[in-house]
Amino acid sequence: MSDKKIIFTDKAPAPIGPYNQAVLVGNTLYTSGQIALNPTTMELVLDDIETETKQVMENMKAVLDAADMTFDHVVKTTIFIMDMGDFARINSVYGSYFNEATAPARETVQVAGLPKGVNVEISMTAIK
């Protein structure tokens, strides 16, 4: 696969396992899920669900930037949450990063557990 390019930035948390922050294949970017790790300290930001979601989105913004993309390029997202009761507050923060008229397709799934005990994880696919 000659057009596979690994995307890495120190402005997002470094991978903590056998994966990369994102992979660019042709014009399509596939991101790994981001959680609320502060990329400088690698400490979790779990003050409240809004702050946690904002950190996730800022991490994702850094990965998109590293691929020379923006949220406008995102065509699909997946949101994993621990408690569907947090959906409205997560959605409010998430939505502030997109133009509602051109927002990506999305699914939101409640899960039994997430890495490091976080409350939200988001992954994206973007096309340039």
N, C-alpha and C. Protein backbone atom coordinates (compact mmCIF):
# COMPACT_ATOMS: atom_id res chain seq x y z
N MET A 1 0.86 -1.17 0.00
CA MET A 1 0.00 0.00 0.00
C MET A 1 0.90 1.23 0.00
N SER A 2 1.29 1.69 -1.15
CA SER A 2 2.27 2.75 -1.28
C SER A 2 1.75 4.12 -0.88
N ASP A 3 0.43 4.33 -0.88
CA ASP A 3 -0.08 5.65 -0.55
C ASP A 3 -0.56 5.75 0.89
N LYS A 4 -0.17 4.81 1.73
CA LYS A 4 -0.51 4.85 3.16
C LYS A 4 0.50 5.72 3.89
N LYS A 5 0.00 6.78 4.55
CA LYS A 5 0.87 7.70 5.27
C LYS A 5 0.42 7.78 6.73
N ILE A 6 1.36 7.59 7.64
CA ILE A 6 1.06 7.69 9.07
C ILE A 6 1.06 9.16 9.46
N ILE A 7 0.03 9.57 10.18
CA ILE A 7 -0.09 10.94 10.66
C ILE A 7 0.23 10.95 12.15
N PHE A 8 1.12 11.85 12.55
CA PHE A 8 1.48 11.99 13.95
C PHE A 8 1.71 13.45 14.27
N THR A 9 1.24 13.87 15.43
CA THR A 9 1.52 15.20 15.94
C THR A 9 1.73 15.13 17.44
N ASP A 10 2.65 15.94 17.95
CA ASP A 10 2.85 15.98 19.40
C ASP A 10 1.81 16.89 20.08
N LYS A 11 0.91 17.46 19.27
CA LYS A 11 -0.16 18.30 19.80
C LYS A 11 -1.40 17.48 20.18
N ALA A 12 -1.32 16.19 19.98
CA ALA A 12 -2.36 15.25 20.41
C ALA A 12 -1.65 14.15 21.21
N PRO A 13 -2.38 13.44 22.04
CA PRO A 13 -1.73 12.38 22.83
C PRO A 13 -1.03 11.34 21.96
N ALA A 14 0.15 10.96 22.38
CA ALA A 14 0.89 9.92 21.67
C ALA A 14 0.15 8.59 21.85
N PRO A 15 0.18 7.74 20.85
CA PRO A 15 -0.45 6.42 20.99
C PRO A 15 0.13 5.66 22.18
N ILE A 16 -0.72 4.92 22.86
CA ILE A 16 -0.28 4.14 24.02
C ILE A 16 -0.41 2.65 23.73
N GLY A 17 -0.26 2.30 22.47
CA GLY A 17 -0.37 0.90 22.05
C GLY A 17 0.04 0.78 20.60
N PRO A 18 -0.21 -0.37 19.99
CA PRO A 18 0.20 -0.62 18.61
C PRO A 18 -0.79 -0.02 17.60
N TYR A 19 -0.88 1.30 17.58
CA TYR A 19 -1.72 2.01 16.63
C TYR A 19 -1.15 3.40 16.41
N ASN A 20 -1.68 4.13 15.44
CA ASN A 20 -1.26 5.49 15.15
C ASN A 20 -2.42 6.45 15.37
N GLN A 21 -2.11 7.73 15.51
CA GLN A 21 -3.15 8.74 15.69
C GLN A 21 -4.09 8.76 14.49
N ALA A 22 -3.52 8.60 13.30
CA ALA A 22 -4.33 8.58 12.09
C ALA A 22 -3.53 7.98 10.95
N VAL A 23 -4.25 7.50 9.94
CA VAL A 23 -3.63 6.99 8.72
C VAL A 23 -4.32 7.66 7.55
N LEU A 24 -3.51 8.21 6.65
CA LEU A 24 -4.01 8.85 5.44
C LEU A 24 -3.77 7.90 4.27
N VAL A 25 -4.84 7.56 3.58
CA VAL A 25 -4.75 6.71 2.40
C VAL A 25 -5.40 7.48 1.26
N GLY A 26 -4.58 7.89 0.30
CA GLY A 26 -5.09 8.75 -0.76
C GLY A 26 -5.59 10.05 -0.16
N ASN A 27 -6.85 10.37 -0.38
CA ASN A 27 -7.43 11.60 0.16
C ASN A 27 -8.25 11.35 1.42
N THR A 28 -8.22 10.12 1.94
CA THR A 28 -9.06 9.77 3.09
C THR A 28 -8.22 9.58 4.34
N LEU A 29 -8.65 10.25 5.41
CA LEU A 29 -7.99 10.17 6.70
C LEU A 29 -8.85 9.34 7.65
N TYR A 30 -8.25 8.34 8.25
CA TYR A 30 -8.90 7.50 9.25
C TYR A 30 -8.23 7.79 10.59
N THR A 31 -8.98 8.34 11.54
CA THR A 31 -8.37 8.64 12.83
C THR A 31 -8.64 7.53 13.82
N SER A 32 -7.74 7.38 14.76
CA SER A 32 -7.99 6.53 15.91
C SER A 32 -8.90 7.31 16.85
N GLY A 33 -9.54 6.61 17.76
CA GLY A 33 -10.36 7.28 18.74
C GLY A 33 -9.49 8.14 19.65
N GLN A 34 -10.02 9.30 19.98
CA GLN A 34 -9.35 10.19 20.92
C GLN A 34 -10.13 10.21 22.22
N ILE A 35 -9.39 10.23 23.32
CA ILE A 35 -9.98 10.41 24.64
C ILE A 35 -9.40 11.70 25.22
N ALA A 36 -9.82 12.05 26.42
CA ALA A 36 -9.46 13.34 27.00
C ALA A 36 -8.11 13.32 27.71
N LEU A 37 -7.07 12.93 26.99
CA LEU A 37 -5.72 13.02 27.52
C LEU A 37 -5.12 14.37 27.11
N ASN A 38 -4.55 15.07 28.07
CA ASN A 38 -3.82 16.28 27.76
C ASN A 38 -2.52 15.85 27.07
N PRO A 39 -2.27 16.33 25.84
CA PRO A 39 -1.10 15.83 25.10
C PRO A 39 0.24 16.23 25.72
N THR A 40 0.26 17.27 26.53
CA THR A 40 1.50 17.71 27.15
C THR A 40 1.84 16.87 28.38
N THR A 41 0.85 16.63 29.22
CA THR A 41 1.08 15.92 30.47
C THR A 41 0.69 14.44 30.41
N MET A 42 -0.10 14.07 29.40
CA MET A 42 -0.68 12.72 29.27
C MET A 42 -1.54 12.38 30.50
N GLU A 43 -2.07 13.42 31.14
CA GLU A 43 -3.01 13.24 32.24
C GLU A 43 -4.43 13.39 31.69
N LEU A 44 -5.37 12.67 32.27
CA LEU A 44 -6.76 12.78 31.85
C LEU A 44 -7.38 14.08 32.32
N VAL A 45 -8.24 14.65 31.47
CA VAL A 45 -8.99 15.86 31.77
C VAL A 45 -10.44 15.44 31.98
N LEU A 46 -10.82 15.23 33.23
CA LEU A 46 -12.13 14.67 33.53
C LEU A 46 -12.94 15.56 34.49
N ASP A 47 -12.72 16.87 34.43
CA ASP A 47 -13.39 17.80 35.35
C ASP A 47 -14.91 17.66 35.29
N ASP A 48 -15.45 17.64 34.09
CA ASP A 48 -16.88 17.44 33.84
C ASP A 48 -17.01 16.98 32.40
N ILE A 49 -18.19 16.55 31.99
CA ILE A 49 -18.34 15.95 30.66
C ILE A 49 -18.09 16.96 29.54
N GLU A 50 -18.42 18.23 29.77
CA GLU A 50 -18.16 19.25 28.74
C GLU A 50 -16.66 19.46 28.56
N THR A 51 -15.93 19.58 29.66
CA THR A 51 -14.48 19.77 29.59
C THR A 51 -13.81 18.56 28.98
N GLU A 52 -14.29 17.39 29.34
CA GLU A 52 -13.74 16.15 28.79
C GLU A 52 -13.96 16.09 27.27
N THR A 53 -15.17 16.41 26.85
CA THR A 53 -15.48 16.39 25.41
C THR A 53 -14.67 17.43 24.65
N LYS A 54 -14.51 18.60 25.24
CA LYS A 54 -13.71 19.65 24.59
C LYS A 54 -12.26 19.18 24.39
N GLN A 55 -11.69 18.50 25.39
CA GLN A 55 -10.32 17.99 25.24
C GLN A 55 -10.25 16.95 24.13
N VAL A 56 -11.25 16.08 24.05
CA VAL A 56 -11.30 15.09 22.97
C VAL A 56 -11.32 15.80 21.61
N MET A 57 -12.17 16.81 21.48
CA MET A 57 -12.30 17.51 20.20
C MET A 57 -11.04 18.31 19.87
N GLU A 58 -10.39 18.88 20.87
CA GLU A 58 -9.13 19.60 20.63
C GLU A 58 -8.03 18.62 20.20
N ASN A 59 -8.01 17.43 20.79
CA ASN A 59 -7.06 16.41 20.35
C ASN A 59 -7.33 16.03 18.90
N MET A 60 -8.60 15.87 18.56
CA MET A 60 -8.96 15.52 17.19
C MET A 60 -8.59 16.65 16.23
N LYS A 61 -8.81 17.88 16.65
CA LYS A 61 -8.43 19.04 15.83
C LYS A 61 -6.94 19.01 15.52
N ALA A 62 -6.12 18.67 16.51
CA ALA A 62 -4.68 18.61 16.30
C ALA A 62 -4.31 17.52 15.29
N VAL A 63 -4.99 16.38 15.34
CA VAL A 63 -4.73 15.30 14.38
C VAL A 63 -5.15 15.74 12.98
N LEU A 64 -6.31 16.36 12.87
CA LEU A 64 -6.76 16.87 11.56
C LEU A 64 -5.77 17.90 11.02
N ASP A 65 -5.32 18.81 11.88
CA ASP A 65 -4.33 19.82 11.47
C ASP A 65 -3.06 19.17 10.93
N ALA A 66 -2.62 18.11 11.60
CA ALA A 66 -1.39 17.41 11.18
C ALA A 66 -1.54 16.81 9.79
N ALA A 67 -2.78 16.52 9.40
CA ALA A 67 -3.06 15.97 8.07
C ALA A 67 -3.47 17.09 7.10
N ASP A 68 -3.31 18.34 7.53
CA ASP A 68 -3.68 19.50 6.72
C ASP A 68 -5.18 19.48 6.39
N MET A 69 -5.98 19.14 7.40
CA MET A 69 -7.43 19.10 7.27
C MET A 69 -8.07 19.86 8.42
N THR A 70 -9.38 20.08 8.30
CA THR A 70 -10.16 20.73 9.34
C THR A 70 -11.42 19.89 9.59
N PHE A 71 -12.24 20.34 10.51
CA PHE A 71 -13.51 19.66 10.77
C PHE A 71 -14.42 19.72 9.54
N ASP A 72 -14.20 20.68 8.65
CA ASP A 72 -14.99 20.75 7.42
C ASP A 72 -14.76 19.54 6.52
N HIS A 73 -13.62 18.87 6.67
CA HIS A 73 -13.29 17.70 5.86
C HIS A 73 -13.89 16.41 6.42
N VAL A 74 -14.39 16.45 7.64
CA VAL A 74 -14.89 15.24 8.30
C VAL A 74 -16.22 14.82 7.69
N VAL A 75 -16.30 13.54 7.29
CA VAL A 75 -17.52 13.01 6.67
C VAL A 75 -18.24 12.01 7.57
N LYS A 76 -17.56 11.48 8.59
CA LYS A 76 -18.16 10.45 9.44
C LYS A 76 -17.50 10.49 10.80
N THR A 77 -18.31 10.41 11.84
CA THR A 77 -17.77 10.31 13.20
C THR A 77 -18.46 9.18 13.94
N THR A 78 -17.76 8.67 14.92
CA THR A 78 -18.34 7.70 15.84
C THR A 78 -18.05 8.21 17.25
N ILE A 79 -19.11 8.29 18.05
CA ILE A 79 -18.97 8.72 19.44
C ILE A 79 -19.35 7.54 20.33
N PHE A 80 -18.43 7.19 21.20
CA PHE A 80 -18.68 6.15 22.20
C PHE A 80 -18.83 6.84 23.54
N ILE A 81 -19.93 6.59 24.25
CA ILE A 81 -20.13 7.22 25.54
C ILE A 81 -20.52 6.18 26.58
N MET A 82 -20.16 6.46 27.81
CA MET A 82 -20.48 5.55 28.91
C MET A 82 -21.93 5.67 29.36
N ASP A 83 -22.48 6.89 29.30
CA ASP A 83 -23.81 7.14 29.83
C ASP A 83 -24.61 7.98 28.84
N MET A 84 -25.64 7.40 28.26
CA MET A 84 -26.46 8.12 27.30
C MET A 84 -27.11 9.35 27.93
N GLY A 85 -27.16 9.41 29.24
CA GLY A 85 -27.65 10.59 29.94
C GLY A 85 -26.76 11.80 29.72
N ASP A 86 -25.50 11.59 29.30
CA ASP A 86 -24.57 12.69 29.01
C ASP A 86 -24.67 13.16 27.57
N PHE A 87 -25.52 12.49 26.76
CA PHE A 87 -25.55 12.77 25.32
C PHE A 87 -25.75 14.24 25.00
N ALA A 88 -26.72 14.90 25.59
CA ALA A 88 -27.02 16.30 25.25
C ALA A 88 -25.83 17.21 25.52
N ARG A 89 -25.14 17.00 26.63
CA ARG A 89 -23.99 17.85 26.96
C ARG A 89 -22.80 17.56 26.06
N ILE A 90 -22.58 16.29 25.73
CA ILE A 90 -21.52 15.93 24.78
C ILE A 90 -21.85 16.52 23.41
N ASN A 91 -23.08 16.35 22.99
CA ASN A 91 -23.53 16.82 21.68
C ASN A 91 -23.38 18.33 21.53
N SER A 92 -23.63 19.06 22.61
CA SER A 92 -23.50 20.52 22.58
C SER A 92 -22.05 20.94 22.29
N VAL A 93 -21.10 20.32 22.97
CA VAL A 93 -19.69 20.63 22.74
C VAL A 93 -19.26 20.15 21.36
N TYR A 94 -19.57 18.91 21.03
CA TYR A 94 -19.25 18.33 19.72
C TYR A 94 -19.79 19.22 18.61
N GLY A 95 -21.05 19.62 18.71
CA GLY A 95 -21.69 20.42 17.67
C GLY A 95 -21.05 21.77 17.45
N SER A 96 -20.40 22.32 18.48
CA SER A 96 -19.76 23.64 18.34
C SER A 96 -18.56 23.60 17.41
N TYR A 97 -18.08 22.43 17.05
CA TYR A 97 -16.93 22.29 16.15
C TYR A 97 -17.33 22.12 14.69
N PHE A 98 -18.64 22.01 14.44
CA PHE A 98 -19.12 21.77 13.08
C PHE A 98 -20.15 22.80 12.66
N ASN A 99 -20.24 23.01 11.35
CA ASN A 99 -21.33 23.77 10.77
C ASN A 99 -22.49 22.79 10.65
N GLU A 100 -23.60 23.08 11.31
CA GLU A 100 -24.70 22.13 11.36
C GLU A 100 -25.21 21.75 9.96
N ALA A 101 -25.19 22.69 9.02
CA ALA A 101 -25.69 22.42 7.67
C ALA A 101 -24.83 21.40 6.92
N THR A 102 -23.54 21.33 7.27
CA THR A 102 -22.62 20.43 6.57
C THR A 102 -21.97 19.43 7.53
N ALA A 103 -22.58 19.21 8.67
CA ALA A 103 -22.03 18.29 9.67
C ALA A 103 -21.91 16.87 9.09
N PRO A 104 -20.97 16.09 9.62
CA PRO A 104 -20.77 14.73 9.11
C PRO A 104 -21.88 13.77 9.54
N ALA A 105 -21.90 12.63 8.89
CA ALA A 105 -22.73 11.52 9.36
C ALA A 105 -22.14 11.06 10.69
N ARG A 106 -22.98 10.44 11.53
CA ARG A 106 -22.50 10.08 12.86
C ARG A 106 -23.34 8.98 13.47
N GLU A 107 -22.70 8.18 14.32
CA GLU A 107 -23.44 7.32 15.22
C GLU A 107 -22.89 7.56 16.62
N THR A 108 -23.78 7.40 17.58
CA THR A 108 -23.41 7.53 18.98
C THR A 108 -23.83 6.24 19.67
N VAL A 109 -22.89 5.63 20.37
CA VAL A 109 -23.12 4.32 20.96
C VAL A 109 -22.77 4.36 22.44
N GLN A 110 -23.68 3.89 23.28
CA GLN A 110 -23.35 3.72 24.69
C GLN A 110 -22.62 2.40 24.84
N VAL A 111 -21.52 2.44 25.60
CA VAL A 111 -20.68 1.25 25.76
C VAL A 111 -20.54 0.90 27.24
N ALA A 112 -20.06 -0.30 27.50
CA ALA A 112 -19.88 -0.77 28.87
C ALA A 112 -18.59 -0.25 29.49
N GLY A 113 -17.63 0.14 28.67
CA GLY A 113 -16.36 0.63 29.20
C GLY A 113 -15.53 1.26 28.11
N LEU A 114 -14.68 2.19 28.51
CA LEU A 114 -13.76 2.87 27.59
C LEU A 114 -12.36 2.89 28.21
N PRO A 115 -11.32 3.08 27.39
CA PRO A 115 -9.95 3.10 27.91
C PRO A 115 -9.77 4.10 29.04
N LYS A 116 -9.03 3.69 30.03
CA LYS A 116 -8.66 4.53 31.18
C LYS A 116 -9.86 5.04 31.96
N GLY A 117 -11.02 4.42 31.77
CA GLY A 117 -12.20 4.81 32.52
C GLY A 117 -12.81 6.14 32.12
N VAL A 118 -12.54 6.59 30.89
CA VAL A 118 -13.09 7.87 30.43
C VAL A 118 -14.57 7.72 30.12
N ASN A 119 -15.21 8.85 29.88
CA ASN A 119 -16.66 8.88 29.62
C ASN A 119 -17.02 9.02 28.15
N VAL A 120 -16.05 9.44 27.32
CA VAL A 120 -16.34 9.66 25.90
C VAL A 120 -15.07 9.42 25.07
N GLU A 121 -15.27 8.81 23.90
CA GLU A 121 -14.19 8.61 22.92
C GLU A 121 -14.81 8.89 21.55
N ILE A 122 -14.05 9.59 20.71
CA ILE A 122 -14.55 9.97 19.38
C ILE A 122 -13.51 9.63 18.32
N SER A 123 -13.97 9.03 17.22
CA SER A 123 -13.12 8.79 16.05
C SER A 123 -13.78 9.44 14.84
N MET A 124 -12.97 9.69 13.82
CA MET A 124 -13.48 10.38 12.63
C MET A 124 -12.85 9.84 11.35
N THR A 125 -13.57 10.04 10.26
CA THR A 125 -13.07 9.82 8.92
C THR A 125 -13.24 11.14 8.18
N ALA A 126 -12.18 11.56 7.49
CA ALA A 126 -12.21 12.84 6.77
C ALA A 126 -11.70 12.62 5.35
N ILE A 127 -12.22 13.42 4.42
CA ILE A 127 -11.78 13.34 3.03
C ILE A 127 -11.41 14.73 2.54
N LYS A 128 -10.27 14.79 1.84
CA LYS A 128 -9.80 16.08 1.31
C LYS A 128 -9.95 16.10 -0.18
